[in-house]
Amino acid sequence: MASVNGFTKALGVVAGQRRRSLVRDLSTDAPTVITGPVLLRSVYVHTAMSAHAVTFSDNSVSKFLAPASSTAGSNLLSNVAGGMKFEVDMTITPNASSTGILVITYDELN
């Protein structure tokens, strides 16, 4: 490709966006807060989840629930074309008894 912008567009990233990945160990109870608008691209289950769901919220409003007992290797957003937009922030809140590891990919929208 002729330019860096052309390359990033080929990856699905538009100018003004930055792709990020986050590994979230669900056994820690504190919520993870990503401030600012983001586009959630994927939620990949690296290590199988316990029988507890994980909430993804935007400005304290639940937008997505990672199902309890999701198996390793699952992409939980595979049926959401183009990703899921969070307008204010993205807060990831596991249950106090959750276990498992998620790999979360998102674009910062600034």
PDB file of N, CA and C in Angstrom:
ATOM      1  N   MET A   1       0.838  -1.180   0.000  1.00  0.00           N
ATOM      2  CA  MET A   1       0.000   0.000   0.000  1.00  0.00           C
ATOM      3  C   MET A   1       0.881   1.241   0.000  1.00  0.00           C
ATOM      4  N   ALA A   2       0.334   2.288  -0.506  1.00  0.00           N
ATOM      5  CA  ALA A   2       1.119   3.492  -0.718  1.00  0.00           C
ATOM      6  C   ALA A   2       1.325   4.316   0.546  1.00  0.00           C
ATOM      7  N   SER A   3       0.430   4.205   1.500  1.00  0.00           N
ATOM      8  CA  SER A   3       0.548   5.075   2.668  1.00  0.00           C
ATOM      9  C   SER A   3       0.178   4.337   3.941  1.00  0.00           C
ATOM     10  N   VAL A   4       0.570   4.903   5.042  1.00  0.00           N
ATOM     11  CA  VAL A   4       0.199   4.357   6.345  1.00  0.00           C
ATOM     12  C   VAL A   4      -1.308   4.407   6.507  1.00  0.00           C
ATOM     13  N   ASN A   5      -1.942   5.506   6.096  1.00  0.00           N
ATOM     14  CA  ASN A   5      -3.403   5.604   6.217  1.00  0.00           C
ATOM     15  C   ASN A   5      -4.092   4.518   5.410  1.00  0.00           C
ATOM     16  N   GLY A   6      -3.582   4.240   4.215  1.00  0.00           N
ATOM     17  CA  GLY A   6      -4.164   3.169   3.413  1.00  0.00           C
ATOM     18  C   GLY A   6      -4.060   1.835   4.109  1.00  0.00           C
ATOM     19  N   PHE A   7      -2.944   1.582   4.786  1.00  0.00           N
ATOM     20  CA  PHE A   7      -2.741   0.339   5.516  1.00  0.00           C
ATOM     21  C   PHE A   7      -3.706   0.247   6.694  1.00  0.00           C
ATOM     22  N   THR A   8      -3.846   1.330   7.465  1.00  0.00           N
ATOM     23  CA  THR A   8      -4.735   1.270   8.616  1.00  0.00           C
ATOM     24  C   THR A   8      -6.180   1.124   8.174  1.00  0.00           C
ATOM     25  N   LYS A   9      -6.552   1.733   7.076  1.00  0.00           N
ATOM     26  CA  LYS A   9      -7.921   1.556   6.572  1.00  0.00           C
ATOM     27  C   LYS A   9      -8.155   0.107   6.172  1.00  0.00           C
ATOM     28  N   ALA A  10      -7.133  -0.534   5.620  1.00  0.00           N
ATOM     29  CA  ALA A  10      -7.273  -1.942   5.244  1.00  0.00           C
ATOM     30  C   ALA A  10      -7.509  -2.812   6.474  1.00  0.00           C
ATOM     31  N   LEU A  11      -7.007  -2.391   7.624  1.00  0.00           N
ATOM     32  CA  LEU A  11      -7.231  -3.136   8.862  1.00  0.00           C
ATOM     33  C   LEU A  11      -8.564  -2.786   9.524  1.00  0.00           C
ATOM     34  N   GLY A  12      -9.296  -1.863   8.938  1.00  0.00           N
ATOM     35  CA  GLY A  12     -10.579  -1.473   9.502  1.00  0.00           C
ATOM     36  C   GLY A  12     -10.489  -0.310  10.465  1.00  0.00           C
ATOM     37  N   VAL A  13      -9.334   0.343  10.544  1.00  0.00           N
ATOM     38  CA  VAL A  13      -9.167   1.490  11.425  1.00  0.00           C
ATOM     39  C   VAL A  13      -9.228   2.745  10.581  1.00  0.00           C
ATOM     40  N   VAL A  14     -10.033   3.698  10.985  1.00  0.00           N
ATOM     41  CA  VAL A  14     -10.213   4.948  10.266  1.00  0.00           C
ATOM     42  C   VAL A  14      -9.324   6.002  10.917  1.00  0.00           C
ATOM     43  N   ALA A  15      -8.921   7.020  10.146  1.00  0.00           N
ATOM     44  CA  ALA A  15      -8.112   8.100  10.709  1.00  0.00           C
ATOM     45  C   ALA A  15      -8.791   8.641  11.962  1.00  0.00           C
ATOM     46  N   GLY A  16      -8.010   8.876  13.027  1.00  0.00           N
ATOM     47  CA  GLY A  16      -8.559   9.367  14.289  1.00  0.00           C
ATOM     48  C   GLY A  16      -8.903   8.247  15.269  1.00  0.00           C
ATOM     49  N   GLN A  17      -8.731   6.994  14.852  1.00  0.00           N
ATOM     50  CA  GLN A  17      -8.988   5.859  15.735  1.00  0.00           C
ATOM     51  C   GLN A  17      -7.671   5.170  16.063  1.00  0.00           C
ATOM     52  N   ARG A  18      -7.611   4.583  17.256  1.00  0.00           N
ATOM     53  CA  ARG A  18      -6.456   3.774  17.638  1.00  0.00           C
ATOM     54  C   ARG A  18      -6.952   2.433  18.141  1.00  0.00           C
ATOM     55  N   ARG A  19      -6.459   1.353  17.570  1.00  0.00           N
ATOM     56  CA  ARG A  19      -6.840   0.001  17.980  1.00  0.00           C
ATOM     57  C   ARG A  19      -6.079  -0.367  19.240  1.00  0.00           C
ATOM     58  N   ARG A  20      -6.789  -0.905  20.209  1.00  0.00           N
ATOM     59  CA  ARG A  20      -6.206  -1.310  21.496  1.00  0.00           C
ATOM     60  C   ARG A  20      -6.677  -2.717  21.838  1.00  0.00           C
ATOM     61  N   SER A  21      -5.874  -3.418  22.612  1.00  0.00           N
ATOM     62  CA  SER A  21      -6.253  -4.720  23.164  1.00  0.00           C
ATOM     63  C   SER A  21      -6.020  -4.700  24.664  1.00  0.00           C
ATOM     64  N   LEU A  22      -6.844  -5.435  25.349  1.00  0.00           N
ATOM     65  CA  LEU A  22      -6.807  -5.480  26.805  1.00  0.00           C
ATOM     66  C   LEU A  22      -7.033  -6.926  27.240  1.00  0.00           C
ATOM     67  N   VAL A  23      -6.175  -7.431  28.108  1.00  0.00           N
ATOM     68  CA  VAL A  23      -6.370  -8.760  28.681  1.00  0.00           C
ATOM     69  C   VAL A  23      -6.979  -8.550  30.059  1.00  0.00           C
ATOM     70  N   ARG A  24      -8.168  -9.124  30.276  1.00  0.00           N
ATOM     71  CA  ARG A  24      -8.908  -8.897  31.529  1.00  0.00           C
ATOM     72  C   ARG A  24      -9.063 -10.210  32.274  1.00  0.00           C
ATOM     73  N   ASP A  25      -8.367 -10.318  33.404  1.00  0.00           N
ATOM     74  CA  ASP A  25      -8.508 -11.464  34.311  1.00  0.00           C
ATOM     75  C   ASP A  25      -9.758 -11.204  35.151  1.00  0.00           C
ATOM     76  N   LEU A  26     -10.754 -12.054  35.009  1.00  0.00           N
ATOM     77  CA  LEU A  26     -12.044 -11.828  35.668  1.00  0.00           C
ATOM     78  C   LEU A  26     -12.036 -12.129  37.159  1.00  0.00           C
ATOM     79  N   SER A  27     -10.952 -12.704  37.673  1.00  0.00           N
ATOM     80  CA  SER A  27     -10.912 -13.014  39.104  1.00  0.00           C
ATOM     81  C   SER A  27     -10.657 -11.770  39.951  1.00  0.00           C
ATOM     82  N   THR A  28     -10.258 -10.663  39.340  1.00  0.00           N
ATOM     83  CA  THR A  28     -10.129  -9.407  40.079  1.00  0.00           C
ATOM     84  C   THR A  28     -11.469  -8.683  39.999  1.00  0.00           C
ATOM     85  N   ASP A  29     -11.990  -8.274  41.142  1.00  0.00           N
ATOM     86  CA  ASP A  29     -13.360  -7.770  41.212  1.00  0.00           C
ATOM     87  C   ASP A  29     -13.545  -6.327  40.751  1.00  0.00           C
ATOM     88  N   ALA A  30     -12.505  -5.520  40.785  1.00  0.00           N
ATOM     89  CA  ALA A  30     -12.655  -4.100  40.443  1.00  0.00           C
ATOM     90  C   ALA A  30     -13.017  -3.947  38.968  1.00  0.00           C
ATOM     91  N   PRO A  31     -13.921  -3.020  38.661  1.00  0.00           N
ATOM     92  CA  PRO A  31     -14.269  -2.784  37.263  1.00  0.00           C
ATOM     93  C   PRO A  31     -13.107  -2.150  36.498  1.00  0.00           C
ATOM     94  N   THR A  32     -13.069  -2.398  35.208  1.00  0.00           N
ATOM     95  CA  THR A  32     -12.114  -1.754  34.306  1.00  0.00           C
ATOM     96  C   THR A  32     -12.882  -0.672  33.562  1.00  0.00           C
ATOM     97  N   VAL A  33     -12.386   0.573  33.611  1.00  0.00           N
ATOM     98  CA  VAL A  33     -13.065   1.692  32.950  1.00  0.00           C
ATOM     99  C   VAL A  33     -12.149   2.250  31.873  1.00  0.00           C
ATOM    100  N   ILE A  34     -12.656   2.298  30.646  1.00  0.00           N
ATOM    101  CA  ILE A  34     -11.953   2.922  29.532  1.00  0.00           C
ATOM    102  C   ILE A  34     -12.727   4.189  29.211  1.00  0.00           C
ATOM    103  N   THR A  35     -12.123   5.336  29.470  1.00  0.00           N
ATOM    104  CA  THR A  35     -12.831   6.606  29.308  1.00  0.00           C
ATOM    105  C   THR A  35     -12.817   7.056  27.856  1.00  0.00           C
ATOM    106  N   GLY A  36     -13.862   7.771  27.492  1.00  0.00           N
ATOM    107  CA  GLY A  36     -13.996   8.279  26.132  1.00  0.00           C
ATOM    108  C   GLY A  36     -14.736   7.286  25.259  1.00  0.00           C
ATOM    109  N   PRO A  37     -15.193   7.743  24.103  1.00  0.00           N
ATOM    110  CA  PRO A  37     -15.943   6.859  23.216  1.00  0.00           C
ATOM    111  C   PRO A  37     -15.050   5.783  22.603  1.00  0.00           C
ATOM    112  N   VAL A  38     -15.576   4.564  22.525  1.00  0.00           N
ATOM    113  CA  VAL A  38     -14.846   3.444  21.928  1.00  0.00           C
ATOM    114  C   VAL A  38     -15.782   2.603  21.074  1.00  0.00           C
ATOM    115  N   LEU A  39     -15.179   1.852  20.171  1.00  0.00           N
ATOM    116  CA  LEU A  39     -15.906   0.882  19.369  1.00  0.00           C
ATOM    117  C   LEU A  39     -15.372  -0.486  19.754  1.00  0.00           C
ATOM    118  N   LEU A  40     -16.188  -1.265  20.455  1.00  0.00           N
ATOM    119  CA  LEU A  40     -15.802  -2.606  20.886  1.00  0.00           C
ATOM    120  C   LEU A  40     -15.790  -3.510  19.662  1.00  0.00           C
ATOM    121  N   ARG A  41     -14.638  -4.116  19.378  1.00  0.00           N
ATOM    122  CA  ARG A  41     -14.469  -4.940  18.183  1.00  0.00           C
ATOM    123  C   ARG A  41     -14.617  -6.432  18.462  1.00  0.00           C
ATOM    124  N   SER A  42     -14.012  -6.903  19.564  1.00  0.00           N
ATOM    125  CA  SER A  42     -14.117  -8.327  19.860  1.00  0.00           C
ATOM    126  C   SER A  42     -13.935  -8.586  21.350  1.00  0.00           C
ATOM    127  N   VAL A  43     -14.579  -9.638  21.797  1.00  0.00           N
ATOM    128  CA  VAL A  43     -14.410 -10.147  23.158  1.00  0.00           C
ATOM    129  C   VAL A  43     -14.122 -11.634  22.980  1.00  0.00           C
ATOM    130  N   TYR A  44     -12.843 -11.987  23.129  1.00  0.00           N
ATOM    131  CA  TYR A  44     -12.375 -13.347  22.915  1.00  0.00           C
ATOM    132  C   TYR A  44     -12.150 -14.010  24.272  1.00  0.00           C
ATOM    133  N   VAL A  45     -12.704 -15.207  24.444  1.00  0.00           N
ATOM    134  CA  VAL A  45     -12.543 -15.940  25.699  1.00  0.00           C
ATOM    135  C   VAL A  45     -11.251 -16.760  25.611  1.00  0.00           C
ATOM    136  N   HIS A  46     -10.242 -16.316  26.339  1.00  0.00           N
ATOM    137  CA  HIS A  46      -8.948 -17.006  26.358  1.00  0.00           C
ATOM    138  C   HIS A  46      -8.992 -18.205  27.301  1.00  0.00           C
ATOM    139  N   THR A  47      -9.522 -17.983  28.502  1.00  0.00           N
ATOM    140  CA  THR A  47      -9.693 -19.049  29.494  1.00  0.00           C
ATOM    141  C   THR A  47     -11.170 -19.104  29.853  1.00  0.00           C
ATOM    142  N   ALA A  48     -11.756 -20.286  29.831  1.00  0.00           N
ATOM    143  CA  ALA A  48     -13.196 -20.455  30.041  1.00  0.00           C
ATOM    144  C   ALA A  48     -13.697 -19.666  31.254  1.00  0.00           C
ATOM    145  N   MET A  49     -14.875 -19.087  31.098  1.00  0.00           N
ATOM    146  CA  MET A  49     -15.485 -18.291  32.166  1.00  0.00           C
ATOM    147  C   MET A  49     -16.238 -19.194  33.140  1.00  0.00           C
ATOM    148  N   SER A  50     -16.299 -18.742  34.386  1.00  0.00           N
ATOM    149  CA  SER A  50     -17.086 -19.440  35.402  1.00  0.00           C
ATOM    150  C   SER A  50     -18.572 -19.205  35.135  1.00  0.00           C
ATOM    151  N   ALA A  51     -19.402 -19.672  36.018  1.00  0.00           N
ATOM    152  CA  ALA A  51     -20.855 -19.556  35.860  1.00  0.00           C
ATOM    153  C   ALA A  51     -21.348 -18.163  36.265  1.00  0.00           C
ATOM    154  N   HIS A  52     -20.600 -17.135  35.859  1.00  0.00           N
ATOM    155  CA  HIS A  52     -20.949 -15.746  36.192  1.00  0.00           C
ATOM    156  C   HIS A  52     -20.779 -14.871  34.945  1.00  0.00           C
ATOM    157  N   ALA A  53     -21.783 -14.094  34.626  1.00  0.00           N
ATOM    158  CA  ALA A  53     -21.733 -13.199  33.469  1.00  0.00           C
ATOM    159  C   ALA A  53     -20.881 -11.970  33.787  1.00  0.00           C
ATOM    160  N   VAL A  54     -20.431 -11.288  32.731  1.00  0.00           N
ATOM    161  CA  VAL A  54     -19.647 -10.060  32.853  1.00  0.00           C
ATOM    162  C   VAL A  54     -20.374  -8.963  32.087  1.00  0.00           C
ATOM    163  N   THR A  55     -20.571  -7.825  32.744  1.00  0.00           N
ATOM    164  CA  THR A  55     -21.325  -6.713  32.157  1.00  0.00           C
ATOM    165  C   THR A  55     -20.393  -5.687  31.531  1.00  0.00           C
ATOM    166  N   PHE A  56     -20.732  -5.265  30.320  1.00  0.00           N
ATOM    167  CA  PHE A  56     -20.070  -4.157  29.645  1.00  0.00           C
ATOM    168  C   PHE A  56     -21.092  -3.024  29.606  1.00  0.00           C
ATOM    169  N   SER A  57     -20.753  -1.874  30.191  1.00  0.00           N
ATOM    170  CA  SER A  57     -21.722  -0.778  30.239  1.00  0.00           C
ATOM    171  C   SER A  57     -21.130   0.508  29.683  1.00  0.00           C
ATOM    172  N   ASP A  58     -22.041   1.394  29.281  1.00  0.00           N
ATOM    173  CA  ASP A  58     -21.703   2.711  28.739  1.00  0.00           C
ATOM    174  C   ASP A  58     -22.434   3.742  29.582  1.00  0.00           C
ATOM    175  N   ASN A  59     -21.668   4.569  30.306  1.00  0.00           N
ATOM    176  CA  ASN A  59     -22.278   5.603  31.143  1.00  0.00           C
ATOM    177  C   ASN A  59     -23.284   4.989  32.120  1.00  0.00           C
ATOM    178  N   SER A  60     -22.901   3.878  32.742  1.00  0.00           N
ATOM    179  CA  SER A  60     -23.697   3.137  33.733  1.00  0.00           C
ATOM    180  C   SER A  60     -24.909   2.412  33.164  1.00  0.00           C
ATOM    181  N   VAL A  61     -25.027   2.327  31.841  1.00  0.00           N
ATOM    182  CA  VAL A  61     -26.133   1.609  31.205  1.00  0.00           C
ATOM    183  C   VAL A  61     -25.568   0.346  30.559  1.00  0.00           C
ATOM    184  N   SER A  62     -26.092  -0.807  30.965  1.00  0.00           N
ATOM    185  CA  SER A  62     -25.618  -2.078  30.426  1.00  0.00           C
ATOM    186  C   SER A  62     -25.875  -2.155  28.920  1.00  0.00           C
ATOM    187  N   LYS A  63     -24.810  -2.504  28.140  1.00  0.00           N
ATOM    188  CA  LYS A  63     -24.937  -2.623  26.683  1.00  0.00           C
ATOM    189  C   LYS A  63     -24.698  -4.044  26.194  1.00  0.00           C
ATOM    190  N   PHE A  64     -23.882  -4.790  26.929  1.00  0.00           N
ATOM    191  CA  PHE A  64     -23.512  -6.127  26.475  1.00  0.00           C
ATOM    192  C   PHE A  64     -23.233  -6.989  27.699  1.00  0.00           C
ATOM    193  N   LEU A  65     -23.674  -8.224  27.644  1.00  0.00           N
ATOM    194  CA  LEU A  65     -23.450  -9.164  28.731  1.00  0.00           C
ATOM    195  C   LEU A  65     -22.689 -10.360  28.175  1.00  0.00           C
ATOM    196  N   ALA A  66     -21.455 -10.550  28.649  1.00  0.00           N
ATOM    197  CA  ALA A  66     -20.693 -11.735  28.264  1.00  0.00           C
ATOM    198  C   ALA A  66     -21.300 -12.908  29.028  1.00  0.00           C
ATOM    199  N   PRO A  67     -21.843 -13.882  28.327  1.00  0.00           N
ATOM    200  CA  PRO A  67     -22.582 -14.955  29.000  1.00  0.00           C
ATOM    201  C   PRO A  67     -21.733 -15.791  29.952  1.00  0.00           C
ATOM    202  N   ALA A  68     -22.332 -16.181  31.040  1.00  0.00           N
ATOM    203  CA  ALA A  68     -21.693 -17.078  32.000  1.00  0.00           C
ATOM    204  C   ALA A  68     -21.303 -18.374  31.304  1.00  0.00           C
ATOM    205  N   SER A  69     -20.241 -18.991  31.770  1.00  0.00           N
ATOM    206  CA  SER A  69     -19.769 -20.294  31.288  1.00  0.00           C
ATOM    207  C   SER A  69     -19.364 -20.295  29.816  1.00  0.00           C
ATOM    208  N   SER A  70     -18.972 -19.142  29.272  1.00  0.00           N
ATOM    209  CA  SER A  70     -18.501 -19.095  27.886  1.00  0.00           C
ATOM    210  C   SER A  70     -17.216 -19.906  27.771  1.00  0.00           C
ATOM    211  N   THR A  71     -17.102 -20.671  26.697  1.00  0.00           N
ATOM    212  CA  THR A  71     -15.976 -21.587  26.539  1.00  0.00           C
ATOM    213  C   THR A  71     -14.760 -20.902  25.920  1.00  0.00           C
ATOM    214  N   ALA A  72     -13.588 -21.415  26.249  1.00  0.00           N
ATOM    215  CA  ALA A  72     -12.339 -20.897  25.689  1.00  0.00           C
ATOM    216  C   ALA A  72     -12.392 -20.998  24.170  1.00  0.00           C
ATOM    217  N   GLY A  73     -11.899 -19.973  23.502  1.00  0.00           N
ATOM    218  CA  GLY A  73     -11.890 -19.938  22.042  1.00  0.00           C
ATOM    219  C   GLY A  73     -13.094 -19.244  21.436  1.00  0.00           C
ATOM    220  N   SER A  74     -14.055 -18.854  22.255  1.00  0.00           N
ATOM    221  CA  SER A  74     -15.261 -18.187  21.746  1.00  0.00           C
ATOM    222  C   SER A  74     -14.998 -16.712  21.476  1.00  0.00           C
ATOM    223  N   ASN A  75     -15.527 -16.202  20.352  1.00  0.00           N
ATOM    224  CA  ASN A  75     -15.551 -14.759  20.101  1.00  0.00           C
ATOM    225  C   ASN A  75     -16.983 -14.320  20.368  1.00  0.00           C
ATOM    226  N   LEU A  76     -17.196 -13.604  21.452  1.00  0.00           N
ATOM    227  CA  LEU A  76     -18.551 -13.292  21.908  1.00  0.00           C
ATOM    228  C   LEU A  76     -19.228 -12.195  21.099  1.00  0.00           C
ATOM    229  N   LEU A  77     -18.488 -11.504  20.218  1.00  0.00           N
ATOM    230  CA  LEU A  77     -19.110 -10.469  19.374  1.00  0.00           C
ATOM    231  C   LEU A  77     -19.133 -10.869  17.910  1.00  0.00           C
ATOM    232  N   SER A  78     -19.018 -12.140  17.618  1.00  0.00           N
ATOM    233  CA  SER A  78     -18.933 -12.586  16.226  1.00  0.00           C
ATOM    234  C   SER A  78     -20.189 -12.264  15.415  1.00  0.00           C
ATOM    235  N   ASN A  79     -21.314 -12.062  16.079  1.00  0.00           N
ATOM    236  CA  ASN A  79     -22.558 -11.757  15.366  1.00  0.00           C
ATOM    237  C   ASN A  79     -22.868 -10.256  15.325  1.00  0.00           C
ATOM    238  N   VAL A  80     -21.937  -9.405  15.764  1.00  0.00           N
ATOM    239  CA  VAL A  80     -22.157  -7.955  15.762  1.00  0.00           C
ATOM    240  C   VAL A  80     -21.262  -7.348  14.677  1.00  0.00           C
ATOM    241  N   ALA A  81     -21.816  -7.158  13.488  1.00  0.00           N
ATOM    242  CA  ALA A  81     -21.043  -6.621  12.365  1.00  0.00           C
ATOM    243  C   ALA A  81     -20.607  -5.185  12.642  1.00  0.00           C
ATOM    244  N   GLY A  82     -19.327  -4.911  12.460  1.00  0.00           N
ATOM    245  CA  GLY A  82     -18.823  -3.552  12.621  1.00  0.00           C
ATOM    246  C   GLY A  82     -18.519  -3.144  14.046  1.00  0.00           C
ATOM    247  N   GLY A  83     -18.807  -3.981  15.020  1.00  0.00           N
ATOM    248  CA  GLY A  83     -18.515  -3.656  16.410  1.00  0.00           C
ATOM    249  C   GLY A  83     -19.680  -3.010  17.134  1.00  0.00           C
ATOM    250  N   MET A  84     -19.455  -2.686  18.393  1.00  0.00           N
ATOM    251  CA  MET A  84     -20.483  -2.099  19.256  1.00  0.00           C
ATOM    252  C   MET A  84     -19.943  -0.783  19.822  1.00  0.00           C
ATOM    253  N   LYS A  85     -20.666   0.312  19.583  1.00  0.00           N
ATOM    254  CA  LYS A  85     -20.186   1.630  19.993  1.00  0.00           C
ATOM    255  C   LYS A  85     -20.597   1.964  21.426  1.00  0.00           C
ATOM    256  N   PHE A  86     -19.623   2.478  22.185  1.00  0.00           N
ATOM    257  CA  PHE A  86     -19.836   2.990  23.534  1.00  0.00           C
ATOM    258  C   PHE A  86     -19.577   4.495  23.453  1.00  0.00           C
ATOM    259  N   GLU A  87     -20.581   5.296  23.724  1.00  0.00           N
ATOM    260  CA  GLU A  87     -20.521   6.741  23.498  1.00  0.00           C
ATOM    261  C   GLU A  87     -19.700   7.509  24.539  1.00  0.00           C
ATOM    262  N   VAL A  88     -19.810   7.150  25.822  1.00  0.00           N
ATOM    263  CA  VAL A  88     -19.186   7.914  26.905  1.00  0.00           C
ATOM    264  C   VAL A  88     -17.961   7.189  27.458  1.00  0.00           C
ATOM    265  N   ASP A  89     -18.130   5.924  27.809  1.00  0.00           N
ATOM    266  CA  ASP A  89     -17.039   5.114  28.333  1.00  0.00           C
ATOM    267  C   ASP A  89     -17.420   3.649  28.185  1.00  0.00           C
ATOM    268  N   MET A  90     -16.466   2.771  28.435  1.00  0.00           N
ATOM    269  CA  MET A  90     -16.759   1.342  28.454  1.00  0.00           C
ATOM    270  C   MET A  90     -16.264   0.815  29.798  1.00  0.00           C
ATOM    271  N   THR A  91     -17.209   0.339  30.605  1.00  0.00           N
ATOM    272  CA  THR A  91     -16.881  -0.210  31.915  1.00  0.00           C
ATOM    273  C   THR A  91     -17.145  -1.708  31.877  1.00  0.00           C
ATOM    274  N   ILE A  92     -16.136  -2.483  32.255  1.00  0.00           N
ATOM    275  CA  ILE A  92     -16.222  -3.938  32.263  1.00  0.00           C
ATOM    276  C   ILE A  92     -16.271  -4.368  33.726  1.00  0.00           C
ATOM    277  N   THR A  93     -17.405  -4.983  34.110  1.00  0.00           N
ATOM    278  CA  THR A  93     -17.619  -5.322  35.516  1.00  0.00           C
ATOM    279  C   THR A  93     -17.887  -6.812  35.671  1.00  0.00           C
ATOM    280  N   PRO A  94     -16.900  -7.561  36.191  1.00  0.00           N
ATOM    281  CA  PRO A  94     -17.143  -8.977  36.456  1.00  0.00           C
ATOM    282  C   PRO A  94     -17.922  -9.159  37.756  1.00  0.00           C
ATOM    283  N   ASN A  95     -18.570 -10.289  37.884  1.00  0.00           N
ATOM    284  CA  ASN A  95     -19.220 -10.677  39.129  1.00  0.00           C
ATOM    285  C   ASN A  95     -18.137 -10.928  40.170  1.00  0.00           C
ATOM    286  N   ALA A  96     -18.457 -10.758  41.433  1.00  0.00           N
ATOM    287  CA  ALA A  96     -17.473 -10.940  42.512  1.00  0.00           C
ATOM    288  C   ALA A  96     -16.871 -12.347  42.521  1.00  0.00           C
ATOM    289  N   SER A  97     -17.550 -13.323  41.956  1.00  0.00           N
ATOM    290  CA  SER A  97     -17.051 -14.704  41.942  1.00  0.00           C
ATOM    291  C   SER A  97     -16.577 -15.161  40.570  1.00  0.00           C
ATOM    292  N   SER A  98     -16.455 -14.233  39.626  1.00  0.00           N
ATOM    293  CA  SER A  98     -16.067 -14.593  38.259  1.00  0.00           C
ATOM    294  C   SER A  98     -14.642 -15.118  38.179  1.00  0.00           C
ATOM    295  N   THR A  99     -14.435 -16.038  37.231  1.00  0.00           N
ATOM    296  CA  THR A  99     -13.092 -16.467  36.844  1.00  0.00           C
ATOM    297  C   THR A  99     -13.061 -16.582  35.324  1.00  0.00           C
ATOM    298  N   GLY A 100     -11.858 -16.617  34.784  1.00  0.00           N
ATOM    299  CA  GLY A 100     -11.670 -16.696  33.343  1.00  0.00           C
ATOM    300  C   GLY A 100     -10.850 -15.505  32.873  1.00  0.00           C
ATOM    301  N   ILE A 101     -10.445 -15.544  31.612  1.00  0.00           N
ATOM    302  CA  ILE A 101      -9.671 -14.450  31.037  1.00  0.00           C
ATOM    303  C   ILE A 101     -10.268 -14.084  29.689  1.00  0.00           C
ATOM    304  N   LEU A 102     -10.525 -12.776  29.501  1.00  0.00           N
ATOM    305  CA  LEU A 102     -11.028 -12.242  28.232  1.00  0.00           C
ATOM    306  C   LEU A 102      -9.942 -11.401  27.575  1.00  0.00           C
ATOM    307  N   VAL A 103      -9.873 -11.461  26.250  1.00  0.00           N
ATOM    308  CA  VAL A 103      -9.028 -10.562  25.472  1.00  0.00           C
ATOM    309  C   VAL A 103      -9.994  -9.658  24.706  1.00  0.00           C
ATOM    310  N   ILE A 104      -9.939  -8.372  25.010  1.00  0.00           N
ATOM    311  CA  ILE A 104     -10.900  -7.399  24.485  1.00  0.00           C
ATOM    312  C   ILE A 104     -10.172  -6.478  23.512  1.00  0.00           C
ATOM    313  N   THR A 105     -10.724  -6.332  22.324  1.00  0.00           N
ATOM    314  CA  THR A 105     -10.142  -5.446  21.309  1.00  0.00           C
ATOM    315  C   THR A 105     -11.147  -4.337  21.023  1.00  0.00           C
ATOM    316  N   TYR A 106     -10.653  -3.098  21.001  1.00  0.00           N
ATOM    317  CA  TYR A 106     -11.521  -1.943  20.776  1.00  0.00           C
ATOM    318  C   TYR A 106     -10.750  -0.850  20.070  1.00  0.00           C
ATOM    319  N   ASP A 107     -11.485   0.082  19.465  1.00  0.00           N
ATOM    320  CA  ASP A 107     -10.897   1.275  18.848  1.00  0.00           C
ATOM    321  C   ASP A 107     -11.260   2.476  19.695  1.00  0.00           C
ATOM    322  N   GLU A 108     -10.260   3.313  20.002  1.00  0.00           N
ATOM    323  CA  GLU A 108     -10.542   4.596  20.645  1.00  0.00           C
ATOM    324  C   GLU A 108     -11.068   5.544  19.567  1.00  0.00           C
ATOM    325  N   LEU A 109     -12.141   6.250  19.857  1.00  0.00           N
ATOM    326  CA  LEU A 109     -12.755   7.153  18.880  1.00  0.00           C
ATOM    327  C   LEU A 109     -12.569   8.590  19.337  1.00  0.00           C
ATOM    328  N   ASN A 110     -11.477   9.220  18.976  1.00  0.00           N
ATOM    329  CA  ASN A 110     -11.238  10.611  19.387  1.00  0.00           C
ATOM    330  C   ASN A 110     -11.231  11.492  18.164  1.00  0.00           C
TER     331      ASN A 110
END
